[in-house]
Amino acid sequence: MSYKMSYDEDGRLIISGIECACGSQHNEPTQDIYVGSGIIDKTAAYIKKRNYGAHCVLVADNITWDIAGARLSAHLRSAGYAVSECILRRNGRLEPDETAVGEVFLALQPDTDFLVSVGSGSITDTVRVVAARVNLPQVCVGTAPSMDGYTSSICPLTYRGVKIHRPGKCPEIIVCDTDILKTAPMDMVCAGVGDVLGKYIAKADWKIGRIINDEVYCDVCGEIVTDALERLLNNIDEIKARSEKGIRLLTEALLLSGMTIMIIGHTRAVASVEHNIAHYWEMMQMFAGKPAPGHGASVGVSTLLVWPIFKRFANEDLSALDYEAIRKNAPDRAARTVWMKKAYGPAADAIMEENEGDFLSWEEQKRRITRAEARFSEIRRCIDEMPPVSRLEDAMKRLGAPMTPAELGIDTPLLNLSMRCAKDYRTRYTLFKLISECGLEDKYLKDYPIC
């Protein structure tokens, strides 16, 4: 397994030489990804290389318009492009929901040749899903090193208050001007770090999915994620200082993580139970009319929450399991449906519809338990590969990042529910699913009682 990362003379980030024996289809990224200082004023030249035409819709919100949108619009106009400006004005934080997507759709004209997104996660995902639906190219100009979605082809969106994922397209041109990214608030920098740190959990869960369900695990994607994590953790002080080096390294870590989605075609390498918890907090706070915590910050905090459970499970003795007791306590379809409605409220029906595979027969549940017992040494090895949690805690402390749910406005009842139902958000296999299927949930989550 191997890959190469390099830059050409124009500052274009190139991933090449992908070699992996996992058996999956691997796609070498063909996007033009630029990282460097002062490069926003080269955007027109980057677009001209792709011959996209002359008419674009430029999408920003009222914050990113001031940061980079107005400057970019003037730059494109001076280069001869016709620019229609779509500014998504909000009193608070922009949500990538049906309203935002609809506004962008309505801004399109018959002669629109391409779209330009100016922002970070919410703007990028909003424009990405529209670009995919109308089959137009997207140019993405990043404004904060806060998430790994610049290079993703999956759109995390909100539809009627429910967090959903829809296929999109990776922007064909991505411009990450470090002079702009350095000006991002520190909480957005911390969010980017938190989003990357969650990859440790995603990687371990993916390997456990391979052991239990014969999922195909891609070694090269695992290596890319590991390299991104190591570069980040080895340069926390530079990132905290928001130096040119630090912001470039954080940006590269986020871009590389996102690239695994393009390479392998799904988000397995970058998101698992830690993201499920983050999405749950965001949904439930929105349903309650409360401010939703930032996604990257939530991922960082949830990573710290689940880490001790992984380490504890490495010492579990599955040979002592009582299969008959597990069978008797296994919820049937009706009981699981009741639980989902309690845990997910208005989102329950949509989540169950998208995750039919989570309604297990006893035969399938028993197969998974038996497989885990027979191959427990491999599961332990996956967990042992994770570094000490103190390494993550030290990095987050040095950054001043939030480290507890309370700092994000998450109260105890919501926290407890999230730890119990995070396994249910997606069919994707996780250690938390295995713990539940083995009848060990109360043992491992006794500190998170549900009222």
Protein backbone atom coordinates (compact mmCIF):
# COMPACT_ATOMS: atom_id res chain seq x y z
CA MET A 1 0.00 0.00 0.00
CA SER A 2 1.31 3.46 -0.83
CA TYR A 3 0.45 6.91 -2.09
CA LYS A 4 2.32 10.11 -2.90
CA MET A 5 1.49 13.67 -1.93
CA SER A 6 3.16 16.53 -3.76
CA TYR A 7 2.64 20.08 -5.04
CA ASP A 8 3.23 21.30 -8.57
CA GLU A 9 4.66 24.70 -9.53
CA ASP A 10 1.23 26.35 -9.21
CA GLY A 11 0.70 25.14 -5.63
CA ARG A 12 -1.68 22.39 -6.73
CA LEU A 13 -1.90 19.51 -4.24
CA ILE A 14 -1.57 16.16 -5.98
CA ILE A 15 -2.29 12.67 -4.64
CA SER A 16 -0.89 10.01 -6.92
CA GLY A 17 0.70 6.58 -7.00
CA ILE A 18 -2.13 4.92 -5.06
CA GLU A 19 -1.32 1.26 -4.59
CA CYS A 20 -3.50 -0.96 -2.44
CA ALA A 21 -4.40 -4.65 -2.42
CA CYS A 22 -7.78 -4.28 -0.68
CA GLY A 23 -9.64 -5.13 -3.87
CA SER A 24 -11.79 -2.02 -3.99
CA GLN A 25 -11.99 0.44 -6.85
CA HIS A 26 -9.59 3.29 -6.13
CA ASN A 27 -9.94 6.69 -7.75
CA GLU A 28 -7.00 9.04 -7.89
CA PRO A 29 -8.35 12.55 -7.27
CA THR A 30 -8.54 14.65 -10.42
CA GLN A 31 -9.59 17.87 -8.71
CA ASP A 32 -7.43 20.97 -8.81
CA ILE A 33 -6.70 21.64 -5.13
CA TYR A 34 -4.62 24.73 -4.41
CA VAL A 35 -3.10 25.60 -1.04
CA GLY A 36 -0.97 28.68 -0.49
CA SER A 37 -0.63 32.32 0.50
CA GLY A 38 -2.43 34.99 -1.52
CA ILE A 39 -3.86 32.57 -4.05
CA ILE A 40 -7.47 33.79 -3.92
CA ASP A 41 -6.46 36.35 -6.55
CA LYS A 42 -5.44 33.51 -8.87
CA THR A 43 -8.89 31.90 -8.80
CA ALA A 44 -9.87 33.24 -12.21
CA ALA A 45 -6.73 31.77 -13.73
CA TYR A 46 -7.47 28.42 -12.12
CA ILE A 47 -11.00 28.47 -13.57
CA LYS A 48 -9.80 29.41 -17.05
CA LYS A 49 -7.64 26.28 -17.12
CA ARG A 50 -10.85 24.25 -16.87
CA ASN A 51 -12.76 26.22 -19.52
CA TYR A 52 -15.99 26.37 -17.56
CA GLY A 53 -17.58 29.24 -19.45
CA ALA A 54 -18.28 32.84 -18.49
CA HIS A 55 -21.33 32.85 -16.18
CA CYS A 56 -21.29 31.79 -12.54
CA VAL A 57 -23.40 31.97 -9.41
CA LEU A 58 -21.27 32.91 -6.41
CA VAL A 59 -22.71 31.69 -3.09
CA ALA A 60 -21.69 33.08 0.30
CA ASP A 61 -23.37 33.94 3.57
CA ASN A 62 -23.32 37.36 5.19
CA ILE A 63 -20.14 36.46 7.09
CA THR A 64 -18.11 34.85 4.33
CA TRP A 65 -19.19 37.57 1.92
CA ASP A 66 -17.27 40.08 4.01
CA ILE A 67 -14.33 37.72 4.55
CA ALA A 68 -13.73 36.75 0.94
CA GLY A 69 -16.91 36.84 -1.17
CA ALA A 70 -16.90 40.49 -2.14
CA ARG A 71 -13.21 40.38 -3.00
CA LEU A 72 -13.62 37.22 -5.05
CA SER A 73 -16.65 38.57 -6.91
CA ALA A 74 -14.74 41.70 -7.90
CA HIS A 75 -11.75 39.59 -8.92
CA LEU A 76 -13.85 37.34 -11.17
CA ARG A 77 -15.64 40.32 -12.74
CA SER A 78 -12.34 42.01 -13.51
CA ALA A 79 -11.26 38.80 -15.25
CA GLY A 80 -14.32 38.94 -17.51
CA TYR A 81 -16.72 36.62 -15.72
CA ALA A 82 -20.41 37.41 -15.28
CA VAL A 83 -21.17 36.87 -11.60
CA SER A 84 -24.61 36.44 -10.02
CA GLU A 85 -24.31 36.82 -6.27
CA CYS A 86 -26.38 34.61 -3.98
CA ILE A 87 -25.83 35.73 -0.39
CA LEU A 88 -27.54 33.50 2.18
CA ARG A 89 -28.28 36.00 4.92
CA ARG A 90 -28.96 34.63 8.41
CA ASN A 91 -29.16 36.20 11.86
CA GLY A 92 -27.23 33.26 13.29
CA ARG A 93 -25.28 30.39 11.83
CA LEU A 94 -26.25 29.15 8.39
CA GLU A 95 -27.73 25.65 8.34
CA PRO A 96 -27.30 23.56 5.15
CA ASP A 97 -31.01 22.80 4.97
CA GLU A 98 -33.81 22.76 2.40
CA THR A 99 -34.15 26.54 2.64
CA ALA A 100 -30.50 27.20 1.83
CA VAL A 101 -30.50 24.61 -0.97
CA GLY A 102 -33.67 26.15 -2.40
CA GLU A 103 -32.19 29.65 -2.42
CA VAL A 104 -29.20 28.44 -4.41
CA PHE A 105 -31.43 26.58 -6.87
CA LEU A 106 -33.49 29.70 -7.46
CA ALA A 107 -30.34 31.76 -8.07
CA LEU A 108 -29.43 29.62 -11.09
CA GLN A 109 -30.06 31.00 -14.55
CA PRO A 110 -30.34 29.15 -17.87
CA ASP A 111 -26.89 30.41 -18.83
CA THR A 112 -25.17 29.51 -15.53
CA ASP A 113 -21.96 27.64 -16.37
CA PHE A 114 -20.58 26.91 -12.89
CA LEU A 115 -21.09 27.64 -9.20
CA VAL A 116 -18.66 29.19 -6.74
CA SER A 117 -18.97 28.52 -3.01
CA VAL A 118 -17.27 30.85 -0.54
CA GLY A 119 -17.23 29.46 2.98
CA SER A 120 -16.56 26.31 4.97
CA GLY A 121 -18.83 23.35 5.76
CA SER A 122 -22.36 24.67 5.47
CA ILE A 123 -21.81 26.72 2.31
CA THR A 124 -19.74 24.01 0.64
CA ASP A 125 -22.31 21.29 1.29
CA THR A 126 -25.23 23.46 0.24
CA VAL A 127 -23.64 24.28 -3.09
CA ARG A 128 -22.26 20.75 -3.53
CA VAL A 129 -25.68 19.11 -3.51
CA VAL A 130 -27.07 21.69 -5.96
CA ALA A 131 -24.08 21.30 -8.29
CA ALA A 132 -24.63 17.55 -8.33
CA ARG A 133 -28.35 17.85 -9.06
CA VAL A 134 -27.91 20.26 -11.98
CA ASN A 135 -24.62 18.72 -13.15
CA LEU A 136 -22.60 21.92 -13.07
CA PRO A 137 -18.98 22.33 -11.94
CA GLN A 138 -18.29 23.79 -8.50
CA VAL A 139 -15.40 26.02 -7.49
CA CYS A 140 -14.87 26.05 -3.72
CA VAL A 141 -13.03 28.85 -1.94
CA GLY A 142 -12.47 27.90 1.69
CA THR A 143 -12.65 30.43 4.49
CA ALA A 144 -11.83 28.31 7.58
CA PRO A 145 -9.82 25.14 8.34
CA SER A 146 -12.80 23.80 10.27
CA MET A 147 -13.84 20.53 8.60
CA ASP A 148 -12.76 17.84 6.15
CA GLY A 149 -15.62 18.35 3.70
CA TYR A 150 -13.89 20.50 1.10
CA THR A 151 -12.72 17.36 -0.69
CA SER A 152 -15.77 15.23 0.10
CA SER A 153 -18.43 13.96 -2.28
CA ILE A 154 -20.98 13.37 0.50
CA CYS A 155 -23.31 16.15 1.69
CA PRO A 156 -24.30 16.24 5.38
CA LEU A 157 -27.53 18.25 5.27
CA THR A 158 -30.53 19.02 7.44
CA TYR A 159 -33.97 18.17 6.08
CA ARG A 160 -36.98 19.06 8.23
CA GLY A 161 -34.67 19.10 11.23
CA VAL A 162 -33.20 15.66 10.55
CA LYS A 163 -29.50 15.21 9.80
CA ILE A 164 -29.20 13.35 6.50
CA HIS A 165 -26.45 12.44 4.05
CA ARG A 166 -26.90 12.82 0.33
CA PRO A 167 -24.50 12.14 -2.56
CA GLY A 168 -22.93 15.18 -4.11
CA LYS A 169 -19.83 15.99 -6.11
CA CYS A 170 -16.43 17.04 -4.92
CA PRO A 171 -15.71 20.57 -6.16
CA GLU A 172 -13.56 20.42 -9.27
CA ILE A 173 -11.48 23.38 -8.05
CA ILE A 174 -10.68 23.99 -4.38
CA VAL A 175 -8.83 27.14 -3.33
CA CYS A 176 -7.44 27.29 0.21
CA ASP A 177 -5.73 30.63 0.69
CA THR A 178 -3.80 30.36 3.95
CA ASP A 179 -3.89 34.14 4.40
CA ILE A 180 -7.69 33.89 4.66
CA LEU A 181 -7.75 30.64 6.62
CA LYS A 182 -5.40 32.14 9.24
CA THR A 183 -8.03 34.77 10.05
CA ALA A 184 -10.65 32.18 11.03
CA PRO A 185 -11.74 32.37 14.68
CA MET A 186 -9.89 30.05 17.03
CA ASP A 187 -13.02 28.03 17.69
CA MET A 188 -13.15 27.11 13.99
CA VAL A 189 -9.49 26.08 14.08
CA CYS A 190 -10.27 23.92 17.13
CA ALA A 191 -13.21 22.47 15.23
CA GLY A 192 -10.91 21.43 12.40
CA VAL A 193 -8.59 19.72 14.86
CA GLY A 194 -11.54 17.98 16.54
CA ASP A 195 -12.82 16.72 13.19
CA VAL A 196 -9.44 15.19 12.38
CA LEU A 197 -8.99 13.58 15.83
CA GLY A 198 -12.23 11.66 15.38
CA LYS A 199 -10.56 9.69 12.57
CA TYR A 200 -8.87 7.48 15.18
CA ILE A 201 -12.30 6.15 16.17
CA ALA A 202 -13.49 5.87 12.56
CA LYS A 203 -10.42 3.85 11.62
CA ALA A 204 -10.81 1.45 14.56
CA ASP A 205 -14.53 0.96 13.86
CA TRP A 206 -13.84 0.30 10.17
CA LYS A 207 -11.37 -2.43 11.10
CA ILE A 208 -13.88 -3.93 13.53
CA GLY A 209 -16.45 -3.89 10.74
CA ARG A 210 -14.00 -5.86 8.62
CA ILE A 211 -13.58 -8.45 11.39
CA ILE A 212 -17.28 -8.88 12.17
CA ASN A 213 -18.96 -8.31 8.79
CA ASP A 214 -16.17 -8.88 6.27
CA GLU A 215 -16.20 -5.24 5.19
CA VAL A 216 -13.49 -4.28 2.75
CA TYR A 217 -10.91 -2.19 4.62
CA CYS A 218 -8.71 0.03 2.47
CA ASP A 219 -5.15 0.12 3.76
CA VAL A 220 -4.14 3.14 1.69
CA CYS A 221 -7.06 5.21 3.02
CA GLY A 222 -6.15 4.12 6.53
CA GLU A 223 -2.57 5.22 5.90
CA ILE A 224 -3.66 8.61 4.55
CA VAL A 225 -5.79 9.24 7.64
CA THR A 226 -3.01 8.12 9.98
CA ASP A 227 -0.50 10.41 8.26
CA ALA A 228 -2.92 13.31 8.57
CA LEU A 229 -3.40 12.64 12.28
CA GLU A 230 0.30 12.42 12.99
CA ARG A 231 1.13 15.63 11.13
CA LEU A 232 -1.57 17.43 13.06
CA LEU A 233 -0.62 16.16 16.52
CA ASN A 234 3.05 16.90 15.92
CA ASN A 235 2.36 20.56 15.14
CA ILE A 236 -0.24 21.69 17.69
CA ASP A 237 1.77 24.75 18.77
CA GLU A 238 2.06 25.95 15.16
CA ILE A 239 -1.68 25.44 14.69
CA LYS A 240 -2.44 27.31 17.91
CA ALA A 241 -0.31 30.23 16.70
CA ARG A 242 -2.18 30.13 13.38
CA SER A 243 1.16 30.41 11.64
CA GLU A 244 1.50 29.83 7.92
CA LYS A 245 2.98 26.41 8.65
CA GLY A 246 0.35 25.48 11.22
CA ILE A 247 -2.65 26.44 9.10
CA ARG A 248 -1.20 24.73 6.04
CA LEU A 249 -0.64 21.52 8.03
CA LEU A 250 -4.16 21.60 9.47
CA THR A 251 -5.60 22.32 6.04
CA GLU A 252 -3.63 19.46 4.51
CA ALA A 253 -4.83 17.09 7.26
CA LEU A 254 -8.44 18.04 6.53
CA LEU A 255 -8.01 17.83 2.76
CA LEU A 256 -6.24 14.47 2.95
CA SER A 257 -8.93 13.03 5.21
CA GLY A 258 -11.64 14.19 2.85
CA MET A 259 -9.78 12.79 -0.14
CA THR A 260 -10.28 9.26 1.18
CA ILE A 261 -13.97 9.71 0.39
CA MET A 262 -13.10 10.38 -3.26
CA ILE A 263 -10.60 7.53 -3.36
CA ILE A 264 -12.83 4.82 -1.88
CA GLY A 265 -16.29 6.27 -2.54
CA HIS A 266 -17.66 6.43 1.02
CA THR A 267 -16.98 8.06 4.40
CA ARG A 268 -15.91 4.97 6.34
CA ALA A 269 -12.38 6.27 6.95
CA VAL A 270 -13.50 9.59 8.39
CA ALA A 271 -16.74 9.15 10.33
CA SER A 272 -18.21 6.65 12.76
CA VAL A 273 -19.81 6.63 16.20
CA GLU A 274 -18.12 9.91 17.22
CA HIS A 275 -19.84 11.62 14.29
CA ASN A 276 -23.13 9.91 15.15
CA ILE A 277 -23.03 11.50 18.60
CA ALA A 278 -22.19 14.90 17.11
CA HIS A 279 -25.08 14.68 14.64
CA TYR A 280 -27.42 13.60 17.43
CA TRP A 281 -26.54 16.61 19.58
CA GLU A 282 -27.04 18.94 16.64
CA MET A 283 -30.44 17.45 15.75
CA MET A 284 -31.81 17.33 19.27
CA GLN A 285 -30.73 20.87 20.10
CA MET A 286 -32.39 22.11 16.93
CA PHE A 287 -35.60 20.23 17.75
CA ALA A 288 -35.54 21.85 21.19
CA GLY A 289 -35.08 25.32 19.70
CA LYS A 290 -31.59 25.63 21.17
CA PRO A 291 -28.36 26.59 19.41
CA ALA A 292 -26.69 23.55 17.91
CA PRO A 293 -23.03 23.08 18.84
CA GLY A 294 -20.43 23.33 16.09
CA HIS A 295 -19.87 20.04 14.34
CA GLY A 296 -16.08 19.79 14.62
CA ALA A 297 -16.14 20.75 18.28
CA SER A 298 -18.80 18.09 18.90
CA VAL A 299 -16.70 15.48 17.13
CA GLY A 300 -13.68 16.36 19.27
CA VAL A 301 -15.64 16.11 22.53
CA SER A 302 -17.43 12.90 21.53
CA THR A 303 -14.09 11.35 20.57
CA LEU A 304 -12.88 11.87 24.13
CA LEU A 305 -16.15 10.41 25.47
CA VAL A 306 -16.00 7.13 23.58
CA TRP A 307 -12.24 6.59 23.79
CA PRO A 308 -12.23 4.99 27.30
CA ILE A 309 -14.95 2.57 26.22
CA PHE A 310 -12.79 1.33 23.36
CA LYS A 311 -9.80 0.87 25.64
CA ARG A 312 -11.90 -0.93 28.25
CA PHE A 313 -13.36 -3.32 25.70
CA ALA A 314 -9.86 -4.48 24.76
CA ASN A 315 -9.82 -6.33 28.11
CA GLU A 316 -13.29 -7.87 27.79
CA ASP A 317 -13.85 -11.64 28.15
CA LEU A 318 -16.45 -12.61 25.58
CA SER A 319 -16.18 -16.28 26.50
CA ALA A 320 -18.25 -15.50 29.60
CA LEU A 321 -21.29 -14.29 27.61
CA ASP A 322 -24.64 -15.95 28.29
CA TYR A 323 -26.12 -16.40 24.82
CA GLU A 324 -29.55 -17.45 26.07
CA ALA A 325 -29.84 -14.38 28.29
CA ILE A 326 -28.74 -12.16 25.40
CA ARG A 327 -31.36 -13.75 23.13
CA LYS A 328 -34.15 -13.20 25.66
CA ASN A 329 -33.20 -9.55 26.10
CA ALA A 330 -32.69 -8.79 22.40
CA PRO A 331 -35.33 -6.26 21.28
CA ASP A 332 -37.74 -7.35 18.57
CA ARG A 333 -38.86 -5.00 15.81
CA ALA A 334 -41.65 -3.51 17.90
CA ALA A 335 -39.40 -2.86 20.91
CA ARG A 336 -36.67 -1.36 18.76
CA THR A 337 -39.20 0.92 17.07
CA VAL A 338 -40.41 2.15 20.47
CA TRP A 339 -36.81 2.82 21.49
CA MET A 340 -36.00 4.72 18.30
CA LYS A 341 -39.03 6.96 18.70
CA LYS A 342 -38.02 7.71 22.28
CA ALA A 343 -34.40 8.39 21.36
CA TYR A 344 -34.78 10.22 18.06
CA GLY A 345 -38.23 11.77 18.29
CA PRO A 346 -39.24 13.42 14.99
CA ALA A 347 -36.19 11.97 13.25
CA ALA A 348 -36.92 8.34 14.14
CA ASP A 349 -38.99 7.30 11.13
CA ALA A 350 -36.51 8.71 8.61
CA ILE A 351 -33.54 7.08 10.35
CA MET A 352 -35.24 3.69 10.58
CA GLU A 353 -36.24 3.87 6.93
CA GLU A 354 -32.64 4.50 5.88
CA ASN A 355 -31.22 1.83 8.22
CA GLU A 356 -33.38 -1.25 7.80
CA GLY A 357 -30.29 -3.40 8.37
CA ASP A 358 -30.33 -2.52 12.05
CA PHE A 359 -33.42 -4.69 12.64
CA LEU A 360 -31.41 -7.84 13.35
CA SER A 361 -32.63 -11.41 13.50
CA TRP A 362 -31.33 -13.46 16.41
CA GLU A 363 -29.42 -15.63 13.94
CA GLU A 364 -27.51 -12.61 12.63
CA GLN A 365 -26.91 -11.21 16.09
CA LYS A 366 -25.57 -14.58 17.26
CA ARG A 367 -23.30 -14.80 14.23
CA ARG A 368 -21.77 -11.44 15.07
CA ILE A 369 -21.22 -12.34 18.71
CA THR A 370 -19.66 -15.67 17.78
CA ARG A 371 -17.37 -13.99 15.25
CA ALA A 372 -16.28 -11.40 17.83
CA GLU A 373 -15.47 -14.09 20.37
CA ALA A 374 -13.52 -16.18 17.87
CA ARG A 375 -11.50 -13.22 16.57
CA PHE A 376 -11.25 -11.13 19.69
CA SER A 377 -7.45 -10.90 19.49
CA GLU A 378 -7.85 -9.02 16.20
CA ILE A 379 -10.36 -6.63 17.76
CA ARG A 380 -7.96 -6.02 20.63
CA ARG A 381 -5.18 -5.27 18.16
CA CYS A 382 -7.32 -2.61 16.43
CA ILE A 383 -7.93 -0.90 19.75
CA ASP A 384 -4.34 -1.21 20.91
CA GLU A 385 -3.25 0.69 17.79
CA MET A 386 -5.03 3.76 19.14
CA PRO A 387 -2.63 6.08 21.03
CA PRO A 388 -3.15 7.01 24.68
CA VAL A 389 -6.08 9.39 25.01
CA SER A 390 -3.78 11.71 26.94
CA ARG A 391 -2.13 12.62 23.65
CA LEU A 392 -5.43 13.96 22.33
CA GLU A 393 -6.33 15.62 25.62
CA ASP A 394 -2.99 17.41 25.70
CA ALA A 395 -3.49 18.74 22.17
CA MET A 396 -6.99 19.99 22.90
CA LYS A 397 -5.92 21.62 26.17
CA ARG A 398 -3.08 23.45 24.45
CA LEU A 399 -5.51 24.74 21.85
CA GLY A 400 -8.11 25.75 24.42
CA ALA A 401 -10.66 23.55 22.65
CA PRO A 402 -13.85 22.45 24.43
CA MET A 403 -13.42 19.06 26.07
CA THR A 404 -16.73 18.35 27.77
CA PRO A 405 -20.36 18.20 26.60
CA ALA A 406 -21.28 20.90 29.12
CA GLU A 407 -18.99 23.34 27.34
CA LEU A 408 -21.08 22.76 24.21
CA GLY A 409 -24.39 23.29 26.00
CA ILE A 410 -25.21 19.57 26.16
CA ASP A 411 -27.06 18.72 29.38
CA THR A 412 -26.91 15.37 31.19
CA PRO A 413 -30.18 13.85 29.89
CA LEU A 414 -29.19 14.58 26.28
CA LEU A 415 -25.67 13.30 26.87
CA ASN A 416 -26.93 10.05 28.36
CA LEU A 417 -29.36 9.47 25.51
CA SER A 418 -26.68 10.19 22.93
CA MET A 419 -24.32 7.61 24.37
CA ARG A 420 -27.08 4.99 24.29
CA CYS A 421 -28.47 5.69 20.84
CA ALA A 422 -25.36 6.71 18.85
CA LYS A 423 -25.12 3.11 17.63
CA ASP A 424 -28.56 3.45 16.03
CA TYR A 425 -27.95 6.45 13.79
CA ARG A 426 -26.55 4.41 10.90
CA THR A 427 -26.27 0.74 9.94
CA ARG A 428 -22.50 1.28 9.66
CA TYR A 429 -20.83 -1.10 12.12
CA THR A 430 -19.21 0.26 15.27
CA LEU A 431 -17.82 -1.05 18.53
CA PHE A 432 -20.91 0.41 20.20
CA LYS A 433 -23.10 -1.90 18.08
CA LEU A 434 -20.97 -4.88 19.09
CA ILE A 435 -21.21 -3.96 22.77
CA SER A 436 -24.99 -3.77 22.48
CA GLU A 437 -25.26 -6.99 20.49
CA CYS A 438 -23.23 -8.77 23.17
CA GLY A 439 -25.68 -7.62 25.84
CA LEU A 440 -23.02 -5.43 27.47
CA GLU A 441 -24.51 -1.98 26.99
CA ASP A 442 -25.62 -1.51 30.60
CA LYS A 443 -22.22 -2.67 31.83
CA TYR A 444 -20.33 -0.19 29.67
CA LEU A 445 -22.77 2.71 29.83
CA LYS A 446 -23.90 2.51 33.46
CA ASP A 447 -22.65 6.07 33.96
CA TYR A 448 -25.18 7.22 31.34
CA PRO A 449 -28.59 6.22 32.76
CA ILE A 450 -31.75 7.19 30.89
CA CYS A 451 -34.57 8.70 32.89
